[in-house]
Amino acid sequence: MSFPEANLVKKTVTFRVMQVPDDPVMPKEALLRWICLSLGLISENESRDTVIRVFDVILSAQTKGKALTAEEVAEKMPEVSEKTVRYHLKRMEDMGVLEKNGKKYSLRRNPNLPSIELFTENFFSSAAEEASKPAKIVWQKLLRKYLD
């Protein structure tokens, strides 16, 4: 039986269970890299840092209560092309890290718990819930095949 697997995948979310470093005074760059790795924005040993820098610009604005357009993010990163910035913003939106309201990007938050402090909790719980609902349905169908 042919199975259209590629057509069934809506998005890929990477969950990484990571150890919290012992260093009590980690620099901001190391903390950003750690968060981006845990969110699945980068891979282990990734040397490219553009997505980390885009995330940094968005987070910096967000902590001041602002959402930014792709153009505004690109302005804060003049050495990176706007096309590259747009690519990373779209990728983060597709992953559920960012949401777009009109032309402005911001961290995706639960409307019931909008505090920026709850971003990671909301990200991981909503991604797990989104993935587990269809998996539960298919799991039940599979079990019925064994039990029938």
Protein backbone atom coordinates (compact mmCIF):
# COMPACT_ATOMS: atom_id res chain seq x y z
CA MET A 1 0.00 0.00 0.00
CA SER A 2 1.31 3.42 -0.94
CA PHE A 3 1.24 5.93 1.90
CA PRO A 4 1.55 9.69 1.23
CA GLU A 5 3.69 10.39 4.29
CA ALA A 6 5.10 13.72 3.14
CA ASN A 7 1.57 15.06 2.60
CA LEU A 8 0.54 14.13 6.14
CA VAL A 9 3.25 16.10 7.96
CA LYS A 10 1.86 19.53 8.93
CA LYS A 11 5.01 20.69 10.71
CA THR A 12 7.99 19.35 12.57
CA VAL A 13 8.63 20.30 16.16
CA THR A 14 11.82 19.23 17.87
CA PHE A 15 11.73 18.64 21.59
CA ARG A 16 15.06 18.61 23.33
CA VAL A 17 15.34 17.72 26.99
CA MET A 18 18.45 19.61 27.98
CA GLN A 19 20.59 19.97 31.04
CA VAL A 20 20.68 23.42 32.58
CA PRO A 21 24.31 24.58 32.68
CA ASP A 22 25.85 24.99 36.11
CA ASP A 23 27.32 28.40 35.23
CA PRO A 24 25.33 30.94 37.30
CA VAL A 25 26.51 33.89 35.16
CA MET A 26 26.07 32.60 31.61
CA PRO A 27 26.35 35.43 29.08
CA LYS A 28 23.24 36.44 27.14
CA GLU A 29 24.63 34.90 23.92
CA ALA A 30 25.03 31.50 25.60
CA LEU A 31 21.51 31.67 27.06
CA LEU A 32 20.08 32.59 23.65
CA ARG A 33 21.92 29.69 22.02
CA TRP A 34 20.65 27.31 24.73
CA ILE A 35 17.02 28.42 24.25
CA CYS A 36 17.28 28.23 20.45
CA LEU A 37 18.70 24.72 20.72
CA SER A 38 15.94 23.64 23.12
CA LEU A 39 13.24 25.08 20.82
CA GLY A 40 14.68 23.25 17.84
CA LEU A 41 15.69 26.42 16.00
CA ILE A 42 19.27 25.21 15.68
CA SER A 43 20.96 21.81 15.73
CA GLU A 44 23.72 20.62 17.99
CA ASN A 45 27.11 22.01 16.93
CA GLU A 46 25.50 24.45 14.50
CA SER A 47 27.94 27.19 13.61
CA ARG A 48 25.48 29.51 11.85
CA ASP A 49 23.93 32.03 14.19
CA THR A 50 21.57 34.10 12.03
CA VAL A 51 18.41 32.51 13.44
CA ILE A 52 19.70 33.14 16.96
CA ARG A 53 20.27 36.78 16.11
CA VAL A 54 16.78 37.11 14.57
CA PHE A 55 15.31 35.52 17.70
CA ASP A 56 17.35 37.96 19.82
CA VAL A 57 15.95 40.98 17.93
CA ILE A 58 12.37 39.71 18.28
CA LEU A 59 12.83 38.89 21.98
CA SER A 60 14.43 42.27 22.68
CA ALA A 61 11.48 44.07 21.10
CA GLN A 62 8.97 41.76 22.77
CA THR A 63 10.32 42.48 26.24
CA LYS A 64 9.62 46.15 25.51
CA GLY A 65 6.07 45.33 24.41
CA LYS A 66 6.73 45.76 20.69
CA ALA A 67 6.18 43.52 17.69
CA LEU A 68 8.36 44.05 14.62
CA THR A 69 7.96 43.75 10.86
CA ALA A 70 10.50 41.82 8.80
CA GLU A 71 11.85 45.14 7.56
CA GLU A 72 12.36 46.38 11.13
CA VAL A 73 14.18 43.18 12.09
CA ALA A 74 16.37 43.46 8.98
CA GLU A 75 17.19 47.10 9.84
CA LYS A 76 18.62 45.91 13.16
CA MET A 77 20.77 43.37 11.30
CA PRO A 78 22.24 45.35 8.38
CA GLU A 79 24.83 42.67 7.58
CA VAL A 80 22.05 40.13 6.87
CA SER A 81 19.84 40.33 3.80
CA GLU A 82 16.14 41.00 4.30
CA LYS A 83 15.44 37.81 2.34
CA THR A 84 17.40 35.78 4.91
CA VAL A 85 15.62 37.53 7.78
CA ARG A 86 12.24 36.76 6.17
CA TYR A 87 13.26 33.11 5.74
CA HIS A 88 14.05 32.74 9.45
CA LEU A 89 10.92 34.61 10.56
CA LYS A 90 8.74 32.38 8.36
CA ARG A 91 10.48 29.26 9.63
CA MET A 92 9.93 30.33 13.26
CA GLU A 93 6.30 31.11 12.45
CA ASP A 94 5.84 27.69 10.84
CA MET A 95 7.40 26.04 13.92
CA GLY A 96 4.99 27.86 16.24
CA VAL A 97 7.65 30.02 17.89
CA LEU A 98 6.38 33.26 16.35
CA GLU A 99 2.99 34.53 15.28
CA LYS A 100 2.29 37.15 12.68
CA ASN A 101 -0.36 39.80 13.18
CA GLY A 102 -0.63 41.83 9.99
CA LYS A 103 3.00 42.42 9.10
CA LYS A 104 4.35 42.27 12.67
CA TYR A 105 5.99 39.27 14.30
CA SER A 106 5.95 38.44 17.98
CA LEU A 107 6.44 35.42 20.20
CA ARG A 108 3.47 33.10 19.97
CA ARG A 109 1.57 33.14 23.23
CA ASN A 110 -1.47 31.50 24.69
CA PRO A 111 -4.27 34.11 24.81
CA ASN A 112 -5.29 32.74 28.22
CA LEU A 113 -1.72 33.02 29.56
CA PRO A 114 -0.16 35.87 27.55
CA SER A 115 2.74 36.61 29.88
CA ILE A 116 6.09 36.50 28.09
CA GLU A 117 7.48 34.61 31.09
CA LEU A 118 5.27 31.66 30.13
CA PHE A 119 6.45 31.50 26.50
CA THR A 120 8.47 28.27 26.75
CA GLU A 121 5.80 26.51 28.80
CA ASN A 122 3.14 27.52 26.26
CA PHE A 123 5.33 26.56 23.29
CA PHE A 124 6.11 23.06 24.51
CA SER A 125 2.63 22.29 25.85
CA SER A 126 0.80 23.51 22.74
CA ALA A 127 3.18 21.65 20.42
CA ALA A 128 2.78 18.45 22.45
CA GLU A 129 -1.00 18.80 22.46
CA GLU A 130 -1.12 19.46 18.71
CA ALA A 131 1.03 16.39 18.01
CA SER A 132 -0.67 14.09 20.49
CA LYS A 133 -4.30 14.57 19.39
CA PRO A 134 -3.98 12.94 15.94
CA ALA A 135 -1.46 10.41 17.31
CA LYS A 136 -4.03 9.31 19.90
CA ILE A 137 -6.66 8.77 17.18
CA VAL A 138 -4.28 6.71 15.05
CA TRP A 139 -3.07 4.79 18.09
CA GLN A 140 -6.64 3.78 18.94
CA LYS A 141 -7.24 2.66 15.32
CA LEU A 142 -4.02 0.63 15.39
CA LEU A 143 -4.93 -1.04 18.67
CA ARG A 144 -8.32 -2.03 17.23
CA LYS A 145 -6.47 -3.81 14.38
CA TYR A 146 -4.68 -5.94 16.96
CA LEU A 147 -7.77 -6.55 19.04
CA ASP A 148 -10.18 -7.43 16.20
